[in-house]
């Protein structure tokens, strides 16, 4: 230890002090020479961030408008849907009523047709009955005539048979008129 100052310069605290001074000098050199570049870098970065924020706001505004437009379209679609449902329900009611009316008309036609068929069948049966009665009457008259009965007896039987047939025919016509009134009433 020949030099008393050498001890002070090599002590641990002094070494840290010199390191600190070196860092400070380097920082000062960087600040002095690179200050403009750093400032421009920060300004450019700040400008880029501002531009990105403006673009983000514009995008947000556009998206908000798109959402509002979509909501309006959805509301219009809901209105159209309600109108279509209402229209379909109304058409369904009209179709159901139309089918019901057609069914009623068809039932009325069936009743009319069956009434006509019954009336025709009844008239046909009445004609057959008249033919059979006339045939049996003729046979009976021929038998009575051939058995040497008097003309008066034959005349009386013909009148009785005619009156009987006329009464049956009148009853049949009354029945048909009643049935016609019943069938026509439906």
N, C-alpha and C. Protein backbone atom coordinates (compact mmCIF):
# COMPACT_ATOMS: atom_id res chain seq x y z
N UNK A 1 0.80 -1.13 0.00
CA UNK A 1 0.00 0.00 0.00
C UNK A 1 0.87 1.24 0.00
N UNK A 2 1.37 1.39 -0.99
CA UNK A 2 2.28 2.50 -1.10
C UNK A 2 1.55 3.79 -1.34
N UNK A 3 0.48 3.72 -2.06
CA UNK A 3 -0.22 4.97 -2.34
C UNK A 3 -1.51 5.03 -1.50
N UNK A 4 -1.62 6.10 -0.70
CA UNK A 4 -2.80 6.19 0.16
C UNK A 4 -4.04 6.48 -0.66
N UNK A 5 -3.93 7.12 -1.79
CA UNK A 5 -5.11 7.43 -2.61
C UNK A 5 -5.58 6.20 -3.36
N UNK A 6 -4.73 5.28 -3.60
CA UNK A 6 -5.07 4.08 -4.34
C UNK A 6 -6.12 3.29 -3.59
N UNK A 7 -6.09 3.35 -2.31
CA UNK A 7 -7.04 2.60 -1.50
C UNK A 7 -8.43 3.20 -1.67
N UNK A 8 -8.52 4.46 -1.75
CA UNK A 8 -9.82 5.13 -1.87
C UNK A 8 -10.41 4.82 -3.24
N UNK A 9 -9.59 4.80 -4.30
CA UNK A 9 -10.11 4.58 -5.63
C UNK A 9 -10.52 3.13 -5.84
N UNK A 10 -10.03 2.23 -5.11
CA UNK A 10 -10.36 0.82 -5.31
C UNK A 10 -11.37 0.31 -4.31
N UNK A 11 -11.85 1.12 -3.48
CA UNK A 11 -12.82 0.66 -2.49
C UNK A 11 -14.15 0.33 -3.19
N UNK A 12 -14.98 -0.53 -2.59
CA UNK A 12 -16.20 -0.98 -3.25
C UNK A 12 -17.18 0.16 -3.53
N UNK A 13 -17.33 1.14 -2.76
CA UNK A 13 -18.29 2.22 -2.97
C UNK A 13 -17.88 3.10 -4.13
N UNK A 14 -16.59 3.29 -4.31
CA UNK A 14 -16.10 4.15 -5.37
C UNK A 14 -16.35 3.46 -6.70
N UNK A 15 -16.17 2.21 -6.76
CA UNK A 15 -16.40 1.47 -8.00
C UNK A 15 -17.86 1.61 -8.44
N UNK A 16 -18.80 1.54 -7.55
CA UNK A 16 -20.23 1.72 -7.86
C UNK A 16 -20.50 3.14 -8.32
N UNK A 17 -19.78 4.08 -7.71
CA UNK A 17 -19.96 5.47 -8.08
C UNK A 17 -19.51 5.68 -9.52
N UNK A 18 -18.38 5.10 -9.89
CA UNK A 18 -17.90 5.24 -11.26
C UNK A 18 -18.84 4.55 -12.25
N UNK A 19 -19.39 3.46 -11.89
CA UNK A 19 -20.36 2.76 -12.76
C UNK A 19 -21.59 3.64 -12.97
N UNK A 20 -22.02 4.29 -11.92
CA UNK A 20 -23.17 5.16 -12.00
C UNK A 20 -22.87 6.35 -12.90
N UNK A 21 -21.68 6.92 -12.74
CA UNK A 21 -21.29 8.06 -13.57
C UNK A 21 -21.21 7.62 -15.02
N UNK A 22 -20.66 6.46 -15.30
CA UNK A 22 -20.57 5.95 -16.68
C UNK A 22 -21.97 5.78 -17.30
N UNK A 23 -22.88 5.26 -16.56
CA UNK A 23 -24.24 5.07 -17.05
C UNK A 23 -24.87 6.42 -17.31
N UNK A 24 -24.65 7.37 -16.42
CA UNK A 24 -25.21 8.70 -16.58
C UNK A 24 -24.67 9.37 -17.83
N UNK A 25 -23.33 9.21 -18.08
CA UNK A 25 -22.72 9.82 -19.26
C UNK A 25 -23.31 9.18 -20.52
N UNK A 26 -23.46 7.88 -20.53
CA UNK A 26 -24.02 7.19 -21.69
C UNK A 26 -25.46 7.65 -21.90
N UNK A 27 -26.21 7.78 -20.81
CA UNK A 27 -27.61 8.22 -20.92
C UNK A 27 -27.66 9.64 -21.45
N UNK A 28 -26.76 10.49 -20.98
CA UNK A 28 -26.72 11.87 -21.44
C UNK A 28 -26.37 11.93 -22.92
N UNK A 29 -25.43 11.12 -23.37
CA UNK A 29 -25.05 11.08 -24.78
C UNK A 29 -26.24 10.60 -25.61
N UNK A 30 -26.91 9.56 -25.14
CA UNK A 30 -28.08 9.01 -25.86
C UNK A 30 -29.17 10.07 -25.93
N UNK A 31 -29.42 10.75 -24.82
CA UNK A 31 -30.48 11.76 -24.79
C UNK A 31 -30.13 12.90 -25.74
N UNK A 32 -28.89 13.35 -25.72
CA UNK A 32 -28.52 14.49 -26.55
C UNK A 32 -28.57 14.11 -28.02
N UNK A 33 -28.00 12.97 -28.39
CA UNK A 33 -27.92 12.62 -29.81
C UNK A 33 -29.19 11.89 -30.32
N UNK A 34 -29.83 11.13 -29.50
CA UNK A 34 -30.98 10.33 -29.95
C UNK A 34 -32.31 10.94 -29.55
N UNK A 35 -32.25 12.09 -28.92
CA UNK A 35 -33.48 12.71 -28.43
C UNK A 35 -34.47 12.98 -29.56
N UNK A 36 -34.00 13.55 -30.64
CA UNK A 36 -34.90 13.84 -31.75
C UNK A 36 -35.49 12.56 -32.32
N UNK A 37 -34.72 11.54 -32.49
CA UNK A 37 -35.21 10.25 -33.03
C UNK A 37 -36.23 9.62 -32.09
N UNK A 38 -35.93 9.70 -30.80
CA UNK A 38 -36.86 9.11 -29.82
C UNK A 38 -38.15 9.91 -29.81
N UNK A 39 -38.02 11.25 -29.83
CA UNK A 39 -39.22 12.09 -29.84
C UNK A 39 -40.06 11.81 -31.10
N UNK A 40 -39.39 11.72 -32.24
CA UNK A 40 -40.12 11.44 -33.47
C UNK A 40 -40.75 10.04 -33.41
N UNK A 41 -40.02 9.12 -32.84
CA UNK A 41 -40.56 7.76 -32.69
C UNK A 41 -41.81 7.79 -31.83
N UNK A 42 -41.74 8.50 -30.69
CA UNK A 42 -42.91 8.59 -29.81
C UNK A 42 -44.05 9.37 -30.49
N UNK A 43 -43.68 10.45 -31.23
CA UNK A 43 -44.71 11.21 -31.93
C UNK A 43 -45.37 10.33 -33.00
N UNK A 44 -44.58 9.62 -33.77
CA UNK A 44 -45.12 8.73 -34.80
C UNK A 44 -46.01 7.65 -34.19
N UNK A 45 -45.56 7.11 -33.08
CA UNK A 45 -46.34 6.08 -32.39
C UNK A 45 -47.63 6.68 -31.85
N UNK A 46 -47.54 7.86 -31.28
CA UNK A 46 -48.71 8.54 -30.74
C UNK A 46 -49.69 8.86 -31.86
N UNK A 47 -49.18 9.33 -32.99
CA UNK A 47 -50.01 9.63 -34.15
C UNK A 47 -50.70 8.37 -34.66
N UNK A 48 -49.97 7.28 -34.73
CA UNK A 48 -50.53 5.99 -35.17
C UNK A 48 -51.65 5.54 -34.23
N UNK A 49 -51.43 5.72 -32.94
CA UNK A 49 -52.45 5.33 -31.95
C UNK A 49 -53.70 6.19 -32.14
N UNK A 50 -53.51 7.52 -32.35
CA UNK A 50 -54.65 8.41 -32.58
C UNK A 50 -55.43 7.98 -33.83
N UNK A 51 -54.70 7.71 -34.91
CA UNK A 51 -55.35 7.28 -36.15
C UNK A 51 -56.11 5.97 -35.94
N UNK A 52 -55.50 5.05 -35.22
CA UNK A 52 -56.16 3.77 -34.93
C UNK A 52 -57.43 4.00 -34.11
N UNK A 53 -57.38 4.94 -33.15
CA UNK A 53 -58.56 5.26 -32.34
C UNK A 53 -59.66 5.87 -33.20
N UNK A 54 -59.28 6.78 -34.13
CA UNK A 54 -60.27 7.39 -35.02
C UNK A 54 -60.90 6.31 -35.89
N UNK A 55 -60.07 5.43 -36.45
CA UNK A 55 -60.60 4.34 -37.27
C UNK A 55 -61.52 3.42 -36.45
N UNK A 56 -61.09 3.15 -35.22
CA UNK A 56 -61.90 2.29 -34.35
C UNK A 56 -63.25 2.94 -34.06
N UNK A 57 -63.25 4.29 -33.81
CA UNK A 57 -64.51 5.00 -33.57
C UNK A 57 -65.41 4.93 -34.80
N UNK A 58 -64.81 5.15 -35.99
CA UNK A 58 -65.59 5.09 -37.22
C UNK A 58 -66.16 3.69 -37.42
N UNK A 59 -65.36 2.67 -37.18
CA UNK A 59 -65.83 1.28 -37.30
C UNK A 59 -66.96 1.02 -36.30
N UNK A 60 -66.79 1.52 -35.07
CA UNK A 60 -67.80 1.33 -34.04
C UNK A 60 -69.10 2.02 -34.46
N UNK A 61 -68.98 3.24 -35.01
CA UNK A 61 -70.16 3.97 -35.47
C UNK A 61 -70.85 3.21 -36.60
N UNK A 62 -70.05 2.71 -37.55
CA UNK A 62 -70.60 1.95 -38.67
C UNK A 62 -71.28 0.67 -38.18
N UNK A 63 -70.64 -0.01 -37.27
CA UNK A 63 -71.22 -1.25 -36.73
C UNK A 63 -72.51 -0.94 -35.98
N UNK A 64 -72.52 0.17 -35.23
CA UNK A 64 -73.74 0.57 -34.51
C UNK A 64 -74.87 0.85 -35.49
N UNK A 65 -74.53 1.53 -36.61
CA UNK A 65 -75.55 1.80 -37.63
C UNK A 65 -76.03 0.50 -38.26
N UNK A 66 -75.11 -0.42 -38.51
CA UNK A 66 -75.50 -1.72 -39.08
C UNK A 66 -76.41 -2.48 -38.12
N UNK A 67 -76.09 -2.41 -36.84
CA UNK A 67 -76.93 -3.10 -35.83
C UNK A 67 -78.31 -2.47 -35.80
N UNK A 68 -78.38 -1.14 -35.84
CA UNK A 68 -79.67 -0.45 -35.83
C UNK A 68 -80.46 -0.81 -37.08
N UNK A 69 -79.79 -0.84 -38.23
CA UNK A 69 -80.44 -1.22 -39.48
C UNK A 69 -80.97 -2.65 -39.40
N UNK A 70 -80.16 -3.53 -38.84
CA UNK A 70 -80.58 -4.93 -38.69
C UNK A 70 -81.79 -5.04 -37.76
N UNK A 71 -81.80 -4.21 -36.70
CA UNK A 71 -82.95 -4.22 -35.78
C UNK A 71 -84.22 -3.76 -36.51
N UNK A 72 -84.08 -2.71 -37.34
CA UNK A 72 -85.24 -2.23 -38.08
C UNK A 72 -85.73 -3.30 -39.05
N UNK A 73 -84.79 -3.95 -39.74
CA UNK A 73 -85.18 -5.02 -40.68
C UNK A 73 -85.86 -6.15 -39.94
N UNK A 74 -85.33 -6.49 -38.77
CA UNK A 74 -85.93 -7.56 -37.97
C UNK A 74 -87.35 -7.18 -37.55
N UNK A 75 -87.53 -5.89 -37.16
CA UNK A 75 -88.87 -5.44 -36.78
C UNK A 75 -89.82 -5.52 -37.98
N UNK A 76 -89.34 -5.14 -39.17
CA UNK A 76 -90.16 -5.22 -40.37
C UNK A 76 -90.49 -6.68 -40.71
N UNK A 77 -89.51 -7.54 -40.54
CA UNK A 77 -89.74 -8.97 -40.80
C UNK A 77 -90.78 -9.52 -39.83
N UNK A 78 -90.71 -9.09 -38.57
CA UNK A 78 -91.70 -9.53 -37.58
C UNK A 78 -93.09 -9.05 -37.98
N UNK A 79 -93.18 -7.79 -38.47
CA UNK A 79 -94.48 -7.27 -38.91
C UNK A 79 -94.99 -8.09 -40.10
N UNK A 80 -94.11 -8.35 -41.06
CA UNK A 80 -94.50 -9.14 -42.23
C UNK A 80 -94.94 -10.54 -41.81
N UNK A 81 -94.20 -11.11 -40.86
CA UNK A 81 -94.54 -12.45 -40.36
C UNK A 81 -95.93 -12.44 -39.74
N UNK A 82 -96.20 -11.42 -38.90
CA UNK A 82 -97.51 -11.32 -38.26
C UNK A 82 -98.60 -11.14 -39.31
N UNK A 83 -98.31 -10.31 -40.34
CA UNK A 83 -99.30 -10.09 -41.40
C UNK A 83 -99.54 -11.39 -42.17
N UNK A 84 -98.47 -12.12 -42.48
CA UNK A 84 -98.62 -13.39 -43.19
C UNK A 84 -99.41 -14.40 -42.37
N UNK A 85 -99.11 -14.47 -41.08
CA UNK A 85 -99.83 -15.40 -40.21
C UNK A 85 -101.30 -15.03 -40.19
N UNK A 86 -101.58 -13.75 -40.07
CA UNK A 86 -102.97 -13.28 -40.05
C UNK A 86 -103.67 -13.63 -41.37
N UNK A 87 -102.96 -13.39 -42.48
CA UNK A 87 -103.52 -13.68 -43.80
C UNK A 87 -103.80 -15.17 -43.96
N UNK A 88 -102.84 -16.00 -43.54
CA UNK A 88 -103.01 -17.45 -43.66
C UNK A 88 -104.17 -17.92 -42.78
N UNK A 89 -104.28 -17.35 -41.57
CA UNK A 89 -105.40 -17.72 -40.70
C UNK A 89 -106.74 -17.34 -41.35
N UNK A 90 -106.79 -16.14 -41.92
CA UNK A 90 -108.01 -15.69 -42.57
C UNK A 90 -108.35 -16.58 -43.76
N UNK A 91 -107.34 -16.89 -44.58
CA UNK A 91 -107.57 -17.78 -45.72
C UNK A 91 -108.01 -19.16 -45.25
N UNK A 92 -107.44 -19.62 -44.14
CA UNK A 92 -107.84 -20.91 -43.59
C UNK A 92 -109.30 -20.90 -43.15
N UNK A 93 -109.71 -19.80 -42.50
CA UNK A 93 -111.11 -19.69 -42.09
C UNK A 93 -112.03 -19.67 -43.30
N UNK A 94 -111.63 -18.90 -44.34
CA UNK A 94 -112.45 -18.84 -45.55
C UNK A 94 -112.54 -20.21 -46.23
N UNK A 95 -111.40 -20.91 -46.28
CA UNK A 95 -111.38 -22.24 -46.89
C UNK A 95 -112.25 -23.20 -46.09
N UNK A 96 -112.15 -23.13 -44.77
CA UNK A 96 -112.97 -24.01 -43.92
C UNK A 96 -114.45 -23.72 -44.15
N UNK A 97 -114.81 -22.43 -44.23
CA UNK A 97 -116.20 -22.07 -44.48
C UNK A 97 -116.66 -22.55 -45.85
N UNK A 98 -115.77 -22.40 -46.84
CA UNK A 98 -116.10 -22.85 -48.20
C UNK A 98 -116.33 -24.36 -48.22
N UNK A 99 -115.44 -25.11 -47.55
CA UNK A 99 -115.60 -26.56 -47.49
C UNK A 99 -116.90 -26.94 -46.78
N UNK A 100 -117.22 -26.22 -45.71
CA UNK A 100 -118.45 -26.48 -44.97
C UNK A 100 -119.67 -26.20 -45.85
N UNK A 101 -119.63 -25.09 -46.58
CA UNK A 101 -120.74 -24.76 -47.48
C UNK A 101 -120.89 -25.81 -48.57
N UNK A 102 -119.76 -26.24 -49.14
CA UNK A 102 -119.82 -27.28 -50.18
C UNK A 102 -120.37 -28.59 -49.62
N UNK A 103 -119.98 -28.91 -48.38
CA UNK A 103 -120.49 -30.14 -47.76
C UNK A 103 -122.01 -30.04 -47.55
N UNK A 104 -122.47 -28.85 -47.13
CA UNK A 104 -123.91 -28.67 -46.94
C UNK A 104 -124.65 -28.79 -48.27
N UNK A 105 -124.09 -28.18 -49.32
CA UNK A 105 -124.71 -28.26 -50.64
C UNK A 105 -124.74 -29.70 -51.13
N UNK A 106 -123.65 -30.41 -50.90
CA UNK A 106 -123.58 -31.80 -51.32
C UNK A 106 -124.62 -32.63 -50.56
N UNK A 107 -124.76 -32.39 -49.26
CA UNK A 107 -125.75 -33.12 -48.47
C UNK A 107 -127.16 -32.81 -48.97
N UNK A 108 -127.41 -31.53 -49.32
CA UNK A 108 -128.73 -31.16 -49.84
C UNK A 108 -129.00 -31.87 -51.17
N UNK A 109 -127.99 -31.92 -52.04
CA UNK A 109 -128.16 -32.62 -53.32
C UNK A 109 -128.43 -34.11 -53.10
N UNK A 110 -127.72 -34.69 -52.15
CA UNK A 110 -127.92 -36.12 -51.86
C UNK A 110 -129.34 -36.35 -51.36
N UNK A 111 -129.82 -35.45 -50.47
CA UNK A 111 -131.19 -35.59 -49.97
C UNK A 111 -132.20 -35.45 -51.12
N UNK A 112 -131.98 -34.47 -52.00
CA UNK A 112 -132.88 -34.27 -53.14
C UNK A 112 -132.86 -35.49 -54.06
N UNK A 113 -131.66 -35.98 -54.35
CA UNK A 113 -131.54 -37.15 -55.24
C UNK A 113 -132.22 -38.37 -54.62
N UNK A 114 -131.99 -38.57 -53.32
CA UNK A 114 -132.61 -39.74 -52.68
C UNK A 114 -134.13 -39.58 -52.63
N UNK A 115 -134.61 -38.33 -52.42
CA UNK A 115 -136.06 -38.09 -52.43
C UNK A 115 -136.65 -38.39 -53.79
N UNK A 116 -135.96 -37.96 -54.85
CA UNK A 116 -136.44 -38.25 -56.20
C UNK A 116 -136.42 -39.75 -56.48
N UNK A 117 -135.36 -40.41 -56.02
CA UNK A 117 -135.26 -41.85 -56.25
C UNK A 117 -136.39 -42.58 -55.53
N UNK A 118 -136.67 -42.17 -54.28
CA UNK A 118 -137.75 -42.81 -53.52
C UNK A 118 -139.09 -42.55 -54.20
N UNK A 119 -139.28 -41.30 -54.66
CA UNK A 119 -140.55 -40.96 -55.33
C UNK A 119 -140.70 -41.77 -56.62
N UNK A 120 -139.62 -41.88 -57.38
CA UNK A 120 -139.67 -42.65 -58.64
C UNK A 120 -139.94 -44.12 -58.34
N UNK A 121 -139.26 -44.64 -57.34
CA UNK A 121 -139.46 -46.05 -56.99
C UNK A 121 -140.89 -46.29 -56.51
N UNK A 122 -141.40 -45.33 -55.73
CA UNK A 122 -142.78 -45.44 -55.25
C UNK A 122 -143.77 -45.42 -56.41
N UNK A 123 -143.53 -44.51 -57.37
CA UNK A 123 -144.42 -44.43 -58.54
C UNK A 123 -144.36 -45.72 -59.33
N UNK A 124 -143.16 -46.27 -59.48
CA UNK A 124 -143.00 -47.52 -60.22
C UNK A 124 -143.74 -48.66 -59.52
N UNK A 125 -143.63 -48.71 -58.21
CA UNK A 125 -144.31 -49.77 -57.46
C UNK A 125 -145.84 -49.60 -57.55
N UNK A 126 -146.30 -48.35 -57.51
CA UNK A 126 -147.73 -48.08 -57.63
C UNK A 126 -148.25 -48.55 -58.99
N UNK A 127 -147.47 -48.30 -60.05
CA UNK A 127 -147.87 -48.73 -61.39
C UNK A 127 -147.93 -50.25 -61.46
N UNK A 128 -146.94 -50.90 -60.88
CA UNK A 128 -146.94 -52.37 -60.89
C UNK A 128 -148.15 -52.91 -60.13
N UNK A 129 -148.43 -52.27 -58.99
CA UNK A 129 -149.57 -52.69 -58.18
C UNK A 129 -150.87 -52.51 -58.96
N UNK A 130 -150.98 -51.37 -59.67
CA UNK A 130 -152.19 -51.14 -60.48
C UNK A 130 -152.32 -52.21 -61.56
N UNK A 131 -151.19 -52.52 -62.20
CA UNK A 131 -151.22 -53.54 -63.25
C UNK A 131 -151.63 -54.88 -62.69
N UNK A 132 -151.07 -55.22 -61.52
CA UNK A 132 -151.43 -56.50 -60.90
C UNK A 132 -152.90 -56.53 -60.49
N UNK A 133 -153.38 -55.41 -59.96
CA UNK A 133 -154.79 -55.34 -59.55
C UNK A 133 -155.71 -55.46 -60.77
N UNK A 134 -155.33 -54.75 -61.81
CA UNK A 134 -156.14 -54.80 -63.02
C UNK A 134 -156.13 -56.21 -63.61
N UNK A 135 -154.95 -56.82 -63.58
CA UNK A 135 -154.84 -58.17 -64.11
C UNK A 135 -155.69 -59.14 -63.29
N UNK A 136 -155.58 -59.03 -61.97
CA UNK A 136 -156.39 -59.94 -61.14
C UNK A 136 -157.87 -59.64 -61.26
N UNK A 137 -158.20 -58.37 -61.43
CA UNK A 137 -159.60 -57.99 -61.60
C UNK A 137 -160.15 -58.54 -62.91
N UNK A 138 -159.31 -58.45 -63.94
CA UNK A 138 -159.74 -58.97 -65.23
C UNK A 138 -159.96 -60.48 -65.15
N UNK A 139 -159.05 -61.14 -64.46
CA UNK A 139 -159.19 -62.60 -64.31
C UNK A 139 -160.46 -62.91 -63.52
N UNK A 140 -160.67 -62.15 -62.47
CA UNK A 140 -161.84 -62.37 -61.63
C UNK A 140 -163.12 -62.08 -62.42
N UNK A 141 -163.08 -61.00 -63.20
CA UNK A 141 -164.25 -60.66 -64.02
C UNK A 141 -164.50 -61.76 -65.05
N UNK A 142 -163.42 -62.23 -65.65
CA UNK A 142 -163.58 -63.29 -66.65
C UNK A 142 -164.13 -64.55 -65.99
N UNK A 143 -163.64 -64.85 -64.79
CA UNK A 143 -164.16 -66.02 -64.07
C UNK A 143 -165.63 -65.84 -63.72
N UNK A 144 -165.93 -64.63 -63.22
CA UNK A 144 -167.34 -64.37 -62.85
C UNK A 144 -168.25 -64.37 -64.08
N UNK A 145 -167.75 -63.85 -65.17
CA UNK A 145 -168.53 -63.78 -66.40
C UNK A 145 -168.76 -65.19 -66.97
N UNK A 146 -167.72 -66.02 -66.86
CA UNK A 146 -167.85 -67.37 -67.38
C UNK A 146 -168.68 -68.26 -66.47
N UNK A 147 -168.88 -67.88 -65.24
CA UNK A 147 -169.66 -68.69 -64.33
C UNK A 147 -171.13 -68.32 -64.35
N UNK A 148 -171.58 -67.69 -65.41
CA UNK A 148 -172.95 -67.34 -65.67
C UNK A 148 -173.53 -66.44 -64.59
N UNK A 149 -172.77 -65.46 -64.18
CA UNK A 149 -173.28 -64.46 -63.22
C UNK A 149 -174.01 -63.41 -64.00
N UNK A 150 -174.78 -62.71 -63.31
CA UNK A 150 -175.57 -61.69 -64.00
C UNK A 150 -174.70 -60.48 -64.29
N UNK A 151 -175.16 -59.74 -65.27
CA UNK A 151 -174.43 -58.55 -65.65
C UNK A 151 -174.44 -57.53 -64.54
N UNK A 152 -175.49 -57.52 -63.79
CA UNK A 152 -175.58 -56.58 -62.67
C UNK A 152 -174.51 -56.88 -61.64
N UNK A 153 -174.30 -58.14 -61.34
CA UNK A 153 -173.28 -58.54 -60.36
C UNK A 153 -171.90 -58.12 -60.86
N UNK A 154 -171.63 -58.32 -62.13
CA UNK A 154 -170.36 -57.92 -62.74
C UNK A 154 -170.19 -56.41 -62.69
N UNK A 155 -171.25 -55.71 -63.00
CA UNK A 155 -171.21 -54.26 -62.97
C UNK A 155 -170.92 -53.75 -61.57
N UNK A 156 -171.54 -54.33 -60.57
CA UNK A 156 -171.32 -53.93 -59.18
C UNK A 156 -169.87 -54.18 -58.75
N UNK A 157 -169.32 -55.30 -59.14
CA UNK A 157 -167.94 -55.63 -58.76
C UNK A 157 -166.95 -54.66 -59.42
N UNK A 158 -167.21 -54.33 -60.69
CA UNK A 158 -166.32 -53.37 -61.37
C UNK A 158 -166.35 -52.02 -60.68
N UNK A 159 -167.54 -51.56 -60.30
CA UNK A 159 -167.66 -50.27 -59.62
C UNK A 159 -166.96 -50.34 -58.26
N UNK A 160 -167.17 -51.42 -57.54
CA UNK A 160 -166.52 -51.59 -56.23
C UNK A 160 -165.01 -51.62 -56.37
N UNK A 161 -164.51 -52.33 -57.34
CA UNK A 161 -163.06 -52.42 -57.59
C UNK A 161 -162.50 -51.05 -57.98
N UNK A 162 -163.25 -50.35 -58.85
CA UNK A 162 -162.79 -49.02 -59.28
C UNK A 162 -162.73 -48.07 -58.10
N UNK A 163 -163.77 -48.09 -57.26
CA UNK A 163 -163.79 -47.20 -56.10
C UNK A 163 -162.67 -47.56 -55.11
N UNK A 164 -162.43 -48.81 -54.96
CA UNK A 164 -161.35 -49.26 -54.06
C UNK A 164 -159.98 -48.80 -54.59
N UNK A 165 -159.76 -49.00 -55.89
CA UNK A 165 -158.49 -48.58 -56.50
C UNK A 165 -158.34 -47.06 -56.47
N UNK A 166 -159.45 -46.36 -56.70
CA UNK A 166 -159.41 -44.90 -56.67
C UNK A 166 -159.06 -44.41 -55.27
N UNK A 167 -159.63 -45.04 -54.24
CA UNK A 167 -159.31 -44.68 -52.85
C UNK A 167 -157.84 -44.93 -52.53
N UNK A 168 -157.33 -46.11 -52.99
CA UNK A 168 -155.90 -46.41 -52.78
C UNK A 168 -155.01 -45.41 -53.51
N UNK A 169 -155.39 -45.06 -54.71
CA UNK A 169 -154.61 -44.09 -55.50
C UNK A 169 -154.63 -42.72 -54.82
N UNK A 170 -155.77 -42.31 -54.29
CA UNK A 170 -155.86 -41.02 -53.59
C UNK A 170 -154.96 -41.04 -52.35
N UNK A 171 -154.97 -42.15 -51.62
CA UNK A 171 -154.11 -42.27 -50.44
C UNK A 171 -152.63 -42.22 -50.83
N UNK A 172 -152.29 -42.89 -51.92
CA UNK A 172 -150.90 -42.88 -52.39
C UNK A 172 -150.47 -41.47 -52.79
N UNK A 173 -151.36 -40.74 -53.47
CA UNK A 173 -151.02 -39.37 -53.88
C UNK A 173 -150.85 -38.46 -52.67
N UNK A 174 -151.68 -38.64 -51.67
CA UNK A 174 -151.53 -37.84 -50.45
C UNK A 174 -150.19 -38.15 -49.77
N UNK A 175 -149.82 -39.42 -49.72
CA UNK A 175 -148.55 -39.81 -49.11
C UNK A 175 -147.38 -39.21 -49.88
N UNK A 176 -147.48 -39.25 -51.20
CA UNK A 176 -146.40 -38.70 -52.02
C UNK A 176 -146.29 -37.19 -51.82
N UNK A 177 -147.43 -36.52 -51.73
CA UNK A 177 -147.40 -35.08 -51.51
C UNK A 177 -146.76 -34.76 -50.16
N UNK A 178 -147.08 -35.54 -49.15
CA UNK A 178 -146.47 -35.32 -47.83
C UNK A 178 -144.97 -35.56 -47.89
N UNK A 179 -144.56 -36.62 -48.56
CA UNK A 179 -143.12 -36.91 -48.69
C UNK A 179 -142.44 -35.84 -49.51
N UNK A 180 -143.05 -35.37 -50.54
CA UNK A 180 -142.48 -34.31 -51.37
C UNK A 180 -142.31 -33.03 -50.54
N UNK A 181 -143.28 -32.75 -49.69
CA UNK A 181 -143.19 -31.55 -48.85
C UNK A 181 -142.04 -31.72 -47.85
N UNK A 182 -141.88 -32.94 -47.31
CA UNK A 182 -140.79 -33.20 -46.36
C UNK A 182 -139.44 -33.10 -47.06
N UNK A 183 -139.30 -33.70 -48.21
CA UNK A 183 -138.03 -33.66 -48.94
C UNK A 183 -137.72 -32.26 -49.45
N UNK A 184 -138.72 -31.57 -49.90
CA UNK A 184 -138.53 -30.21 -50.41
C UNK A 184 -138.20 -29.25 -49.27
N UNK A 185 -138.63 -29.52 -48.05
CA UNK A 185 -138.37 -28.66 -46.90
C UNK A 185 -136.93 -28.71 -46.44
N UNK A 186 -136.20 -29.74 -46.81
CA UNK A 186 -134.79 -29.84 -46.37
C UNK A 186 -133.99 -29.20 -47.40
